[in-house]
PDB file of N, CA and C in Angstrom:
ATOM      1  N   MET A   1      14.300  46.511   8.338  1.00  0.00           N
ATOM      2  CA  MET A   1      13.522  46.868   7.178  1.00  0.00           C
ATOM      3  C   MET A   1      12.253  47.577   7.640  1.00  0.00           C
ATOM      4  N   ARG A   2      12.006  48.717   7.072  1.00  0.00           N
ATOM      5  CA  ARG A   2      10.832  49.491   7.435  1.00  0.00           C
ATOM      6  C   ARG A   2       9.638  49.134   6.557  1.00  0.00           C
ATOM      7  N   LYS A   3       8.465  49.446   7.064  1.00  0.00           N
ATOM      8  CA  LYS A   3       7.240  49.200   6.313  1.00  0.00           C
ATOM      9  C   LYS A   3       7.279  50.020   5.026  1.00  0.00           C
ATOM     10  N   GLY A   4       6.948  49.388   3.936  1.00  0.00           N
ATOM     11  CA  GLY A   4       6.938  50.070   2.652  1.00  0.00           C
ATOM     12  C   GLY A   4       8.218  49.870   1.857  1.00  0.00           C
ATOM     13  N   ASP A   5       9.316  49.423   2.510  1.00  0.00           N
ATOM     14  CA  ASP A   5      10.547  49.142   1.786  1.00  0.00           C
ATOM     15  C   ASP A   5      10.367  47.876   0.963  1.00  0.00           C
ATOM     16  N   ARG A   6      10.953  47.855  -0.189  1.00  0.00           N
ATOM     17  CA  ARG A   6      10.841  46.702  -1.073  1.00  0.00           C
ATOM     18  C   ARG A   6      12.105  45.851  -0.980  1.00  0.00           C
ATOM     19  N   LEU A   7      11.934  44.553  -1.116  1.00  0.00           N
ATOM     20  CA  LEU A   7      13.085  43.666  -1.160  1.00  0.00           C
ATOM     21  C   LEU A   7      13.720  43.759  -2.532  1.00  0.00           C
ATOM     22  N   ARG A   8      15.018  43.772  -2.559  1.00  0.00           N
ATOM     23  CA  ARG A   8      15.739  43.814  -3.831  1.00  0.00           C
ATOM     24  C   ARG A   8      16.721  42.649  -3.839  1.00  0.00           C
ATOM     25  N   PHE A   9      16.775  41.969  -4.970  1.00  0.00           N
ATOM     26  CA  PHE A   9      17.714  40.875  -5.110  1.00  0.00           C
ATOM     27  C   PHE A   9      18.984  41.417  -5.745  1.00  0.00           C
ATOM     28  N   GLY A  10      20.118  41.118  -5.137  1.00  0.00           N
ATOM     29  CA  GLY A  10      21.391  41.561  -5.676  1.00  0.00           C
ATOM     30  C   GLY A  10      21.743  40.829  -6.949  1.00  0.00           C
ATOM     31  N   SER A  11      21.335  39.588  -7.061  1.00  0.00           N
ATOM     32  CA  SER A  11      21.658  38.782  -8.227  1.00  0.00           C
ATOM     33  C   SER A  11      20.385  38.186  -8.801  1.00  0.00           C
ATOM     34  N   ARG A  12      20.220  38.316 -10.088  1.00  0.00           N
ATOM     35  CA  ARG A  12      19.043  37.742 -10.743  1.00  0.00           C
ATOM     36  C   ARG A  12      19.114  36.223 -10.730  1.00  0.00           C
ATOM     37  N   ARG A  13      20.325  35.652 -10.706  1.00  0.00           N
ATOM     38  CA  ARG A  13      20.446  34.203 -10.701  1.00  0.00           C
ATOM     39  C   ARG A  13      19.900  33.584  -9.429  1.00  0.00           C
ATOM     40  N   MET A  14      20.062  34.236  -8.314  1.00  0.00           N
ATOM     41  CA  MET A  14      19.544  33.712  -7.051  1.00  0.00           C
ATOM     42  C   MET A  14      18.024  33.667  -7.066  1.00  0.00           C
ATOM     43  N   ALA A  15      17.390  34.641  -7.690  1.00  0.00           N
ATOM     44  CA  ALA A  15      15.937  34.690  -7.731  1.00  0.00           C
ATOM     45  C   ALA A  15      15.371  33.610  -8.651  1.00  0.00           C
ATOM     46  N   ARG A  16      16.154  33.180  -9.652  1.00  0.00           N
ATOM     47  CA  ARG A  16      15.649  32.205 -10.609  1.00  0.00           C
ATOM     48  C   ARG A  16      15.478  30.820 -10.025  1.00  0.00           C
ATOM     49  N   LEU A  17      16.139  30.496  -8.937  1.00  0.00           N
ATOM     50  CA  LEU A  17      16.091  29.151  -8.388  1.00  0.00           C
ATOM     51  C   LEU A  17      15.015  28.982  -7.327  1.00  0.00           C
ATOM     52  N   LYS A  18      14.087  29.883  -7.235  1.00  0.00           N
ATOM     53  CA  LYS A  18      13.123  29.850  -6.147  1.00  0.00           C
ATOM     54  C   LYS A  18      11.748  29.337  -6.557  1.00  0.00           C
ATOM     55  N   GLY A  19      11.632  28.510  -7.574  1.00  0.00           N
ATOM     56  CA  GLY A  19      10.378  27.871  -7.925  1.00  0.00           C
ATOM     57  C   GLY A  19       9.296  28.820  -8.394  1.00  0.00           C
ATOM     58  N   LEU A  20       8.312  29.058  -7.538  1.00  0.00           N
ATOM     59  CA  LEU A  20       7.168  29.899  -7.879  1.00  0.00           C
ATOM     60  C   LEU A  20       7.609  31.287  -8.308  1.00  0.00           C
ATOM     61  N   TRP A  21       8.542  31.870  -7.579  1.00  0.00           N
ATOM     62  CA  TRP A  21       8.970  33.233  -7.895  1.00  0.00           C
ATOM     63  C   TRP A  21       9.743  33.296  -9.194  1.00  0.00           C
ATOM     64  N   SER A  22      10.419  32.218  -9.560  1.00  0.00           N
ATOM     65  CA  SER A  22      11.130  32.232 -10.834  1.00  0.00           C
ATOM     66  C   SER A  22      10.148  32.251 -11.999  1.00  0.00           C
ATOM     67  N   ILE A  23       9.052  31.546 -11.850  1.00  0.00           N
ATOM     68  CA  ILE A  23       8.036  31.549 -12.904  1.00  0.00           C
ATOM     69  C   ILE A  23       7.303  32.879 -12.927  1.00  0.00           C
ATOM     70  N   LEU A  24       6.942  33.372 -11.759  1.00  0.00           N
ATOM     71  CA  LEU A  24       6.220  34.647 -11.694  1.00  0.00           C
ATOM     72  C   LEU A  24       7.104  35.825 -12.053  1.00  0.00           C
ATOM     73  N   GLY A  25       8.405  35.641 -12.049  1.00  0.00           N
ATOM     74  CA  GLY A  25       9.317  36.703 -12.459  1.00  0.00           C
ATOM     75  C   GLY A  25       9.149  37.091 -13.912  1.00  0.00           C
ATOM     76  N   GLU A  26       8.549  36.201 -14.708  1.00  0.00           N
ATOM     77  CA  GLU A  26       8.307  36.489 -16.119  1.00  0.00           C
ATOM     78  C   GLU A  26       7.164  37.482 -16.317  1.00  0.00           C
ATOM     79  N   VAL A  27       6.310  37.633 -15.307  1.00  0.00           N
ATOM     80  CA  VAL A  27       5.183  38.561 -15.390  1.00  0.00           C
ATOM     81  C   VAL A  27       5.719  39.974 -15.179  1.00  0.00           C
ATOM     82  N   GLN A  28       5.440  40.861 -16.123  1.00  0.00           N
ATOM     83  CA  GLN A  28       6.024  42.199 -16.086  1.00  0.00           C
ATOM     84  C   GLN A  28       5.351  43.121 -15.077  1.00  0.00           C
ATOM     85  N   GLU A  29       4.037  43.029 -14.949  1.00  0.00           N
ATOM     86  CA  GLU A  29       3.292  43.943 -14.079  1.00  0.00           C
ATOM     87  C   GLU A  29       3.397  43.505 -12.620  1.00  0.00           C
ATOM     88  N   PRO A  30       3.926  44.361 -11.728  1.00  0.00           N
ATOM     89  CA  PRO A  30       4.117  43.966 -10.318  1.00  0.00           C
ATOM     90  C   PRO A  30       2.821  43.636  -9.585  1.00  0.00           C
ATOM     91  N   GLU A  31       1.755  44.385  -9.840  1.00  0.00           N
ATOM     92  CA  GLU A  31       0.481  44.114  -9.155  1.00  0.00           C
ATOM     93  C   GLU A  31      -0.079  42.760  -9.555  1.00  0.00           C
ATOM     94  N   GLU A  32       0.006  42.434 -10.831  1.00  0.00           N
ATOM     95  CA  GLU A  32      -0.490  41.140 -11.281  1.00  0.00           C
ATOM     96  C   GLU A  32       0.374  40.014 -10.715  1.00  0.00           C
ATOM     97  N   ARG A  33       1.681  40.221 -10.652  1.00  0.00           N
ATOM     98  CA  ARG A  33       2.589  39.223 -10.081  1.00  0.00           C
ATOM     99  C   ARG A  33       2.239  38.951  -8.620  1.00  0.00           C
ATOM    100  N   GLU A  34       1.950  39.995  -7.860  1.00  0.00           N
ATOM    101  CA  GLU A  34       1.565  39.826  -6.459  1.00  0.00           C
ATOM    102  C   GLU A  34       0.234  39.091  -6.333  1.00  0.00           C
ATOM    103  N   ASP A  35      -0.725  39.415  -7.208  1.00  0.00           N
ATOM    104  CA  ASP A  35      -2.015  38.721  -7.192  1.00  0.00           C
ATOM    105  C   ASP A  35      -1.845  37.235  -7.495  1.00  0.00           C
ATOM    106  N   LEU A  36      -1.014  36.921  -8.482  1.00  0.00           N
ATOM    107  CA  LEU A  36      -0.784  35.523  -8.849  1.00  0.00           C
ATOM    108  C   LEU A  36      -0.118  34.765  -7.704  1.00  0.00           C
ATOM    109  N   ALA A  37       0.846  35.397  -7.063  1.00  0.00           N
ATOM    110  CA  ALA A  37       1.510  34.754  -5.922  1.00  0.00           C
ATOM    111  C   ALA A  37       0.530  34.539  -4.777  1.00  0.00           C
ATOM    112  N   LEU A  38      -0.364  35.497  -4.570  1.00  0.00           N
ATOM    113  CA  LEU A  38      -1.356  35.385  -3.501  1.00  0.00           C
ATOM    114  C   LEU A  38      -2.306  34.221  -3.761  1.00  0.00           C
ATOM    115  N   VAL A  39      -2.763  34.069  -4.989  1.00  0.00           N
ATOM    116  CA  VAL A  39      -3.676  32.964  -5.322  1.00  0.00           C
ATOM    117  C   VAL A  39      -2.960  31.623  -5.168  1.00  0.00           C
ATOM    118  N   ALA A  40      -1.742  31.513  -5.686  1.00  0.00           N
ATOM    119  CA  ALA A  40      -0.997  30.252  -5.584  1.00  0.00           C
ATOM    120  C   ALA A  40      -0.720  29.886  -4.129  1.00  0.00           C
ATOM    121  N   THR A  41      -0.334  30.867  -3.332  1.00  0.00           N
ATOM    122  CA  THR A  41      -0.065  30.618  -1.912  1.00  0.00           C
ATOM    123  C   THR A  41      -1.339  30.247  -1.171  1.00  0.00           C
ATOM    124  N   THR A  42      -2.438  30.882  -1.517  1.00  0.00           N
ATOM    125  CA  THR A  42      -3.729  30.552  -0.899  1.00  0.00           C
ATOM    126  C   THR A  42      -4.096  29.100  -1.152  1.00  0.00           C
ATOM    127  N   ILE A  43      -3.894  28.644  -2.380  1.00  0.00           N
ATOM    128  CA  ILE A  43      -4.217  27.250  -2.703  1.00  0.00           C
ATOM    129  C   ILE A  43      -3.310  26.304  -1.921  1.00  0.00           C
ATOM    130  N   GLN A  44      -2.028  26.640  -1.827  1.00  0.00           N
ATOM    131  CA  GLN A  44      -1.094  25.782  -1.092  1.00  0.00           C
ATOM    132  C   GLN A  44      -1.422  25.713   0.391  1.00  0.00           C
ATOM    133  N   VAL A  45      -1.830  26.830   0.976  1.00  0.00           N
ATOM    134  CA  VAL A  45      -2.024  26.885   2.423  1.00  0.00           C
ATOM    135  C   VAL A  45      -3.440  26.487   2.832  1.00  0.00           C
ATOM    136  N   HIS A  46      -4.437  27.108   2.259  1.00  0.00           N
ATOM    137  CA  HIS A  46      -5.810  26.916   2.717  1.00  0.00           C
ATOM    138  C   HIS A  46      -6.499  25.701   2.103  1.00  0.00           C
ATOM    139  N   PHE A  47      -5.988  25.217   0.990  1.00  0.00           N
ATOM    140  CA  PHE A  47      -6.604  24.055   0.347  1.00  0.00           C
ATOM    141  C   PHE A  47      -5.591  22.922   0.235  1.00  0.00           C
ATOM    142  N   ALA A  48      -4.739  22.773   1.239  1.00  0.00           N
ATOM    143  CA  ALA A  48      -3.649  21.799   1.196  1.00  0.00           C
ATOM    144  C   ALA A  48      -4.165  20.360   1.206  1.00  0.00           C
ATOM    145  N   ASN A  49      -5.166  20.062   2.004  1.00  0.00           N
ATOM    146  CA  ASN A  49      -5.613  18.678   2.171  1.00  0.00           C
ATOM    147  C   ASN A  49      -6.962  18.387   1.535  1.00  0.00           C
ATOM    148  N   VAL A  50      -7.509  19.338   0.810  1.00  0.00           N
ATOM    149  CA  VAL A  50      -8.795  19.132   0.149  1.00  0.00           C
ATOM    150  C   VAL A  50      -8.674  19.542  -1.309  1.00  0.00           C
ATOM    151  N   LYS A  51      -9.661  19.154  -2.087  1.00  0.00           N
ATOM    152  CA  LYS A  51      -9.673  19.570  -3.480  1.00  0.00           C
ATOM    153  C   LYS A  51      -9.912  21.076  -3.557  1.00  0.00           C
ATOM    154  N   ALA A  52      -9.096  21.745  -4.322  1.00  0.00           N
ATOM    155  CA  ALA A  52      -9.233  23.194  -4.498  1.00  0.00           C
ATOM    156  C   ALA A  52     -10.175  23.442  -5.672  1.00  0.00           C
ATOM    157  N   ARG A  53     -11.463  23.444  -5.369  1.00  0.00           N
ATOM    158  CA  ARG A  53     -12.460  23.687  -6.413  1.00  0.00           C
ATOM    159  C   ARG A  53     -12.527  25.171  -6.737  1.00  0.00           C
ATOM    160  N   GLU A  54     -12.796  25.461  -8.005  1.00  0.00           N
ATOM    161  CA  GLU A  54     -12.816  26.844  -8.458  1.00  0.00           C
ATOM    162  C   GLU A  54     -13.776  27.699  -7.635  1.00  0.00           C
ATOM    163  N   ARG A  55     -14.957  27.199  -7.386  1.00  0.00           N
ATOM    164  CA  ARG A  55     -15.953  27.969  -6.640  1.00  0.00           C
ATOM    165  C   ARG A  55     -15.484  28.282  -5.223  1.00  0.00           C
ATOM    166  N   ALA A  56     -14.848  27.308  -4.573  1.00  0.00           N
ATOM    167  CA  ALA A  56     -14.350  27.521  -3.213  1.00  0.00           C
ATOM    168  C   ALA A  56     -13.233  28.566  -3.195  1.00  0.00           C
ATOM    169  N   ILE A  57     -12.352  28.528  -4.200  1.00  0.00           N
ATOM    170  CA  ILE A  57     -11.271  29.518  -4.278  1.00  0.00           C
ATOM    171  C   ILE A  57     -11.844  30.905  -4.519  1.00  0.00           C
ATOM    172  N   VAL A  58     -12.810  31.002  -5.438  1.00  0.00           N
ATOM    173  CA  VAL A  58     -13.435  32.293  -5.738  1.00  0.00           C
ATOM    174  C   VAL A  58     -14.129  32.855  -4.501  1.00  0.00           C
ATOM    175  N   GLU A  59     -14.848  32.016  -3.778  1.00  0.00           N
ATOM    176  CA  GLU A  59     -15.535  32.467  -2.561  1.00  0.00           C
ATOM    177  C   GLU A  59     -14.540  32.902  -1.493  1.00  0.00           C
ATOM    178  N   PHE A  60     -13.468  32.140  -1.321  1.00  0.00           N
ATOM    179  CA  PHE A  60     -12.463  32.495  -0.322  1.00  0.00           C
ATOM    180  C   PHE A  60     -11.822  33.843  -0.642  1.00  0.00           C
ATOM    181  N   MET A  61     -11.440  34.048  -1.899  1.00  0.00           N
ATOM    182  CA  MET A  61     -10.789  35.299  -2.286  1.00  0.00           C
ATOM    183  C   MET A  61     -11.759  36.475  -2.170  1.00  0.00           C
ATOM    184  N   ALA A  62     -13.039  36.230  -2.424  1.00  0.00           N
ATOM    185  CA  ALA A  62     -14.033  37.299  -2.300  1.00  0.00           C
ATOM    186  C   ALA A  62     -14.230  37.706  -0.842  1.00  0.00           C
ATOM    187  N   VAL A  63     -14.288  36.731   0.049  1.00  0.00           N
ATOM    188  CA  VAL A  63     -14.500  37.030   1.459  1.00  0.00           C
ATOM    189  C   VAL A  63     -13.238  37.625   2.081  1.00  0.00           C
ATOM    190  N   ARG A  64     -12.117  36.999   1.819  1.00  0.00           N
ATOM    191  CA  ARG A  64     -10.867  37.391   2.490  1.00  0.00           C
ATOM    192  C   ARG A  64     -10.259  38.680   1.925  1.00  0.00           C
ATOM    193  N   PHE A  65     -10.273  38.830   0.582  1.00  0.00           N
ATOM    194  CA  PHE A  65      -9.578  39.950  -0.045  1.00  0.00           C
ATOM    195  C   PHE A  65     -10.497  40.877  -0.840  1.00  0.00           C
ATOM    196  N   ARG A  66     -11.807  40.581  -0.824  1.00  0.00           N
ATOM    197  CA  ARG A  66     -12.807  41.385  -1.529  1.00  0.00           C
ATOM    198  C   ARG A  66     -12.541  41.464  -3.043  1.00  0.00           C
ATOM    199  N   TRP A  67     -12.128  40.345  -3.602  1.00  0.00           N
ATOM    200  CA  TRP A  67     -11.899  40.277  -5.041  1.00  0.00           C
ATOM    201  C   TRP A  67     -13.183  39.881  -5.736  1.00  0.00           C
ATOM    202  N   PRO A  68     -13.465  40.458  -6.901  1.00  0.00           N
ATOM    203  CA  PRO A  68     -14.597  39.966  -7.692  1.00  0.00           C
ATOM    204  C   PRO A  68     -14.265  38.592  -8.294  1.00  0.00           C
ATOM    205  N   ALA A  69     -15.276  37.837  -8.615  1.00  0.00           N
ATOM    206  CA  ALA A  69     -15.073  36.479  -9.132  1.00  0.00           C
ATOM    207  C   ALA A  69     -14.267  36.487 -10.428  1.00  0.00           C
ATOM    208  N   SER A  70     -14.505  37.486 -11.276  1.00  0.00           N
ATOM    209  CA  SER A  70     -13.801  37.536 -12.564  1.00  0.00           C
ATOM    210  C   SER A  70     -12.295  37.704 -12.367  1.00  0.00           C
ATOM    211  N   ARG A  71     -11.903  38.485 -11.384  1.00  0.00           N
ATOM    212  CA  ARG A  71     -10.477  38.690 -11.117  1.00  0.00           C
ATOM    213  C   ARG A  71      -9.813  37.385 -10.692  1.00  0.00           C
ATOM    214  N   THR A  72     -10.451  36.652  -9.795  1.00  0.00           N
ATOM    215  CA  THR A  72      -9.888  35.382  -9.335  1.00  0.00           C
ATOM    216  C   THR A  72      -9.805  34.384 -10.485  1.00  0.00           C
ATOM    217  N   ARG A  73     -10.848  34.297 -11.291  1.00  0.00           N
ATOM    218  CA  ARG A  73     -10.848  33.346 -12.415  1.00  0.00           C
ATOM    219  C   ARG A  73      -9.769  33.692 -13.434  1.00  0.00           C
ATOM    220  N   ARG A  74      -9.556  34.973 -13.694  1.00  0.00           N
ATOM    221  CA  ARG A  74      -8.489  35.384 -14.623  1.00  0.00           C
ATOM    222  C   ARG A  74      -7.124  35.006 -14.062  1.00  0.00           C
ATOM    223  N   ARG A  75      -6.928  35.215 -12.770  1.00  0.00           N
ATOM    224  CA  ARG A  75      -5.643  34.869 -12.147  1.00  0.00           C
ATOM    225  C   ARG A  75      -5.420  33.362 -12.155  1.00  0.00           C
ATOM    226  N   LEU A  76      -6.467  32.578 -11.927  1.00  0.00           N
ATOM    227  CA  LEU A  76      -6.346  31.119 -11.987  1.00  0.00           C
ATOM    228  C   LEU A  76      -5.961  30.673 -13.398  1.00  0.00           C
ATOM    229  N   ALA A  77      -6.596  31.256 -14.402  1.00  0.00           N
ATOM    230  CA  ALA A  77      -6.292  30.904 -15.792  1.00  0.00           C
ATOM    231  C   ALA A  77      -4.845  31.265 -16.147  1.00  0.00           C
ATOM    232  N   THR A  78      -4.386  32.402 -15.661  1.00  0.00           N
ATOM    233  CA  THR A  78      -3.002  32.815 -15.919  1.00  0.00           C
ATOM    234  C   THR A  78      -2.017  31.855 -15.262  1.00  0.00           C
ATOM    235  N   LEU A  79      -2.307  31.427 -14.029  1.00  0.00           N
ATOM    236  CA  LEU A  79      -1.433  30.479 -13.339  1.00  0.00           C
ATOM    237  C   LEU A  79      -1.382  29.134 -14.048  1.00  0.00           C
ATOM    238  N   VAL A  80      -2.499  28.717 -14.632  1.00  0.00           N
ATOM    239  CA  VAL A  80      -2.516  27.471 -15.404  1.00  0.00           C
ATOM    240  C   VAL A  80      -1.669  27.643 -16.658  1.00  0.00           C
ATOM    241  N   ASP A  81      -1.804  28.788 -17.333  1.00  0.00           N
ATOM    242  CA  ASP A  81      -1.015  29.041 -18.540  1.00  0.00           C
ATOM    243  C   ASP A  81       0.483  29.094 -18.250  1.00  0.00           C
ATOM    244  N   LEU A  82       0.855  29.621 -17.088  1.00  0.00           N
ATOM    245  CA  LEU A  82       2.263  29.700 -16.702  1.00  0.00           C
ATOM    246  C   LEU A  82       2.824  28.355 -16.237  1.00  0.00           C
ATOM    247  N   GLY A  83       1.952  27.399 -15.943  1.00  0.00           N
ATOM    248  CA  GLY A  83       2.393  26.088 -15.490  1.00  0.00           C
ATOM    249  C   GLY A  83       2.547  25.967 -13.989  1.00  0.00           C
ATOM    250  N   VAL A  84       2.041  26.942 -13.245  1.00  0.00           N
ATOM    251  CA  VAL A  84       2.115  26.894 -11.785  1.00  0.00           C
ATOM    252  C   VAL A  84       1.023  25.986 -11.237  1.00  0.00           C
ATOM    253  N   LEU A  85      -0.161  26.039 -11.838  1.00  0.00           N
ATOM    254  CA  LEU A  85      -1.294  25.214 -11.415  1.00  0.00           C
ATOM    255  C   LEU A  85      -1.649  24.207 -12.492  1.00  0.00           C
ATOM    256  N   ARG A  86      -2.249  23.125 -12.054  1.00  0.00           N
ATOM    257  CA  ARG A  86      -2.813  22.137 -12.960  1.00  0.00           C
ATOM    258  C   ARG A  86      -4.324  22.190 -12.780  1.00  0.00           C
ATOM    259  N   CYS A  87      -5.046  22.229 -13.880  1.00  0.00           N
ATOM    260  CA  CYS A  87      -6.499  22.299 -13.837  1.00  0.00           C
ATOM    261  C   CYS A  87      -7.079  20.997 -14.385  1.00  0.00           C
ATOM    262  N   ALA A  88      -8.050  20.459 -13.688  1.00  0.00           N
ATOM    263  CA  ALA A  88      -8.727  19.238 -14.120  1.00  0.00           C
ATOM    264  C   ALA A  88     -10.209  19.376 -13.801  1.00  0.00           C
ATOM    265  N   ARG A  89     -11.003  18.522 -14.411  1.00  0.00           N
ATOM    266  CA  ARG A  89     -12.436  18.478 -14.111  1.00  0.00           C
ATOM    267  C   ARG A  89     -12.687  17.425 -13.050  1.00  0.00           C
ATOM    268  N   ASP A  90     -13.584  17.736 -12.131  1.00  0.00           N
ATOM    269  CA  ASP A  90     -13.931  16.794 -11.068  1.00  0.00           C
ATOM    270  C   ASP A  90     -14.658  15.603 -11.672  1.00  0.00           C
ATOM    271  N   LEU A  91     -14.271  14.418 -11.265  1.00  0.00           N
ATOM    272  CA  LEU A  91     -14.886  13.209 -11.818  1.00  0.00           C
ATOM    273  C   LEU A  91     -16.328  13.025 -11.372  1.00  0.00           C
ATOM    274  N   ALA A  92     -16.711  13.624 -10.261  1.00  0.00           N
ATOM    275  CA  ALA A  92     -18.068  13.447  -9.746  1.00  0.00           C
ATOM    276  C   ALA A  92     -19.106  14.047 -10.681  1.00  0.00           C
ATOM    277  N   ASP A  93     -18.827  15.228 -11.206  1.00  0.00           N
ATOM    278  CA  ASP A  93     -19.817  15.850 -12.080  1.00  0.00           C
ATOM    279  C   ASP A  93     -19.252  16.267 -13.440  1.00  0.00           C
ATOM    280  N   ASN A  94     -17.931  16.112 -13.635  1.00  0.00           N
ATOM    281  CA  ASN A  94     -17.257  16.441 -14.887  1.00  0.00           C
ATOM    282  C   ASN A  94     -17.507  17.888 -15.317  1.00  0.00           C
ATOM    283  N   TRP A  95     -17.792  18.741 -14.390  1.00  0.00           N
ATOM    284  CA  TRP A  95     -18.047  20.137 -14.692  1.00  0.00           C
ATOM    285  C   TRP A  95     -17.194  21.063 -13.831  1.00  0.00           C
ATOM    286  N   THR A  96     -17.082  20.744 -12.566  1.00  0.00           N
ATOM    287  CA  THR A  96     -16.354  21.574 -11.623  1.00  0.00           C
ATOM    288  C   THR A  96     -14.858  21.518 -11.901  1.00  0.00           C
ATOM    289  N   LYS A  97     -14.236  22.689 -11.970  1.00  0.00           N
ATOM    290  CA  LYS A  97     -12.784  22.749 -12.150  1.00  0.00           C
ATOM    291  C   LYS A  97     -12.107  22.565 -10.802  1.00  0.00           C
ATOM    292  N   VAL A  98     -11.059  21.744 -10.794  1.00  0.00           N
ATOM    293  CA  VAL A  98     -10.271  21.484  -9.600  1.00  0.00           C
ATOM    294  C   VAL A  98      -8.828  21.879  -9.909  1.00  0.00           C
ATOM    295  N   PHE A  99      -8.219  22.649  -8.999  1.00  0.00           N
ATOM    296  CA  PHE A  99      -6.859  23.134  -9.209  1.00  0.00           C
ATOM    297  C   PHE A  99      -5.918  22.531  -8.185  1.00  0.00           C
ATOM    298  N   GLU A 100      -4.683  22.301  -8.604  1.00  0.00           N
ATOM    299  CA  GLU A 100      -3.634  21.881  -7.695  1.00  0.00           C
ATOM    300  C   GLU A 100      -2.325  22.511  -8.144  1.00  0.00           C
ATOM    301  N   VAL A 101      -1.461  22.766  -7.178  1.00  0.00           N
ATOM    302  CA  VAL A 101      -0.165  23.365  -7.469  1.00  0.00           C
ATOM    303  C   VAL A 101       0.746  22.288  -8.033  1.00  0.00           C
ATOM    304  N   VAL A 102       1.418  22.596  -9.128  1.00  0.00           N
ATOM    305  CA  VAL A 102       2.339  21.654  -9.751  1.00  0.00           C
ATOM    306  C   VAL A 102       3.597  21.585  -8.896  1.00  0.00           C
ATOM    307  N   ASP A 103       3.986  20.365  -8.534  1.00  0.00           N
ATOM    308  CA  ASP A 103       5.178  20.188  -7.704  1.00  0.00           C
ATOM    309  C   ASP A 103       6.421  20.468  -8.531  1.00  0.00           C
ATOM    310  N   ARG A 104       7.321  21.177  -7.915  1.00  0.00           N
ATOM    311  CA  ARG A 104       8.615  21.452  -8.537  1.00  0.00           C
ATOM    312  C   ARG A 104       9.657  20.573  -7.857  1.00  0.00           C
ATOM    313  N   PRO A 105      10.513  19.913  -8.634  1.00  0.00           N
ATOM    314  CA  PRO A 105      11.531  19.082  -8.000  1.00  0.00           C
ATOM    315  C   PRO A 105      12.550  19.932  -7.246  1.00  0.00           C
ATOM    316  N   HIS A 106      13.067  19.369  -6.177  1.00  0.00           N
ATOM    317  CA  HIS A 106      14.099  20.037  -5.392  1.00  0.00           C
ATOM    318  C   HIS A 106      15.384  20.098  -6.212  1.00  0.00           C
ATOM    319  N   VAL A 107      16.048  21.232  -6.210  1.00  0.00           N
ATOM    320  CA  VAL A 107      17.318  21.388  -6.912  1.00  0.00           C
ATOM    321  C   VAL A 107      18.448  21.129  -5.922  1.00  0.00           C
ATOM    322  N   PRO A 108      19.232  20.073  -6.146  1.00  0.00           N
ATOM    323  CA  PRO A 108      20.343  19.790  -5.230  1.00  0.00           C
ATOM    324  C   PRO A 108      21.355  20.933  -5.234  1.00  0.00           C
ATOM    325  N   ALA A 109      22.060  21.090  -4.126  1.00  0.00           N
ATOM    326  CA  ALA A 109      23.019  22.192  -3.976  1.00  0.00           C
ATOM    327  C   ALA A 109      24.122  22.118  -5.026  1.00  0.00           C
ATOM    328  N   THR A 110      24.586  20.913  -5.338  1.00  0.00           N
ATOM    329  CA  THR A 110      25.666  20.804  -6.335  1.00  0.00           C
ATOM    330  C   THR A 110      25.204  21.263  -7.707  1.00  0.00           C
ATOM    331  N   LEU A 111      23.964  20.944  -8.065  1.00  0.00           N
ATOM    332  CA  LEU A 111      23.430  21.387  -9.350  1.00  0.00           C
ATOM    333  C   LEU A 111      23.225  22.893  -9.350  1.00  0.00           C
ATOM    334  N   ALA A 112      22.778  23.428  -8.227  1.00  0.00           N
ATOM    335  CA  ALA A 112      22.592  24.871  -8.137  1.00  0.00           C
ATOM    336  C   ALA A 112      23.915  25.599  -8.317  1.00  0.00           C
ATOM    337  N   LEU A 113      24.982  25.044  -7.761  1.00  0.00           N
ATOM    338  CA  LEU A 113      26.311  25.655  -7.930  1.00  0.00           C
ATOM    339  C   LEU A 113      26.771  25.597  -9.378  1.00  0.00           C
ATOM    340  N   GLU A 114      26.469  24.479 -10.041  1.00  0.00           N
ATOM    341  CA  GLU A 114      26.830  24.360 -11.444  1.00  0.00           C
ATOM    342  C   GLU A 114      26.062  25.345 -12.320  1.00  0.00           C
ATOM    343  N   LEU A 115      24.828  25.660 -11.912  1.00  0.00           N
ATOM    344  CA  LEU A 115      24.020  26.600 -12.679  1.00  0.00           C
ATOM    345  C   LEU A 115      24.462  28.037 -12.455  1.00  0.00           C
ATOM    346  N   GLY A 116      25.320  28.256 -11.484  1.00  0.00           N
ATOM    347  CA  GLY A 116      25.852  29.595 -11.268  1.00  0.00           C
ATOM    348  C   GLY A 116      25.192  30.364 -10.162  1.00  0.00           C
ATOM    349  N   ALA A 117      24.562  29.670  -9.241  1.00  0.00           N
ATOM    350  CA  ALA A 117      23.909  30.371  -8.131  1.00  0.00           C
ATOM    351  C   ALA A 117      24.925  30.847  -7.130  1.00  0.00           C
TER     352      ALA A 117
END
């Protein structure tokens, strides 16, 4: 595969069983879909063992990817609306937003076969 080539799925059913990508597949705009995947992956990787506070995520995205704060906050809100992230208020001050990735249950192989994968 050369740089710039895009991955193509031969079957739409195979793409539907991939958790995050199945949910993000509903987003029509490719650039927004990539941004949403980047934010969700960032939370999973860089904030795995600590609370993912909104301010920390915004600062990380600004430093690492040069995103403005409004862009990150809009993407976080979209991920919450899609059900990828869960948003809660921190109990310490009841003001700070804390995000976590919603766990998706593992799909057993037999069930995947029944679904037509």
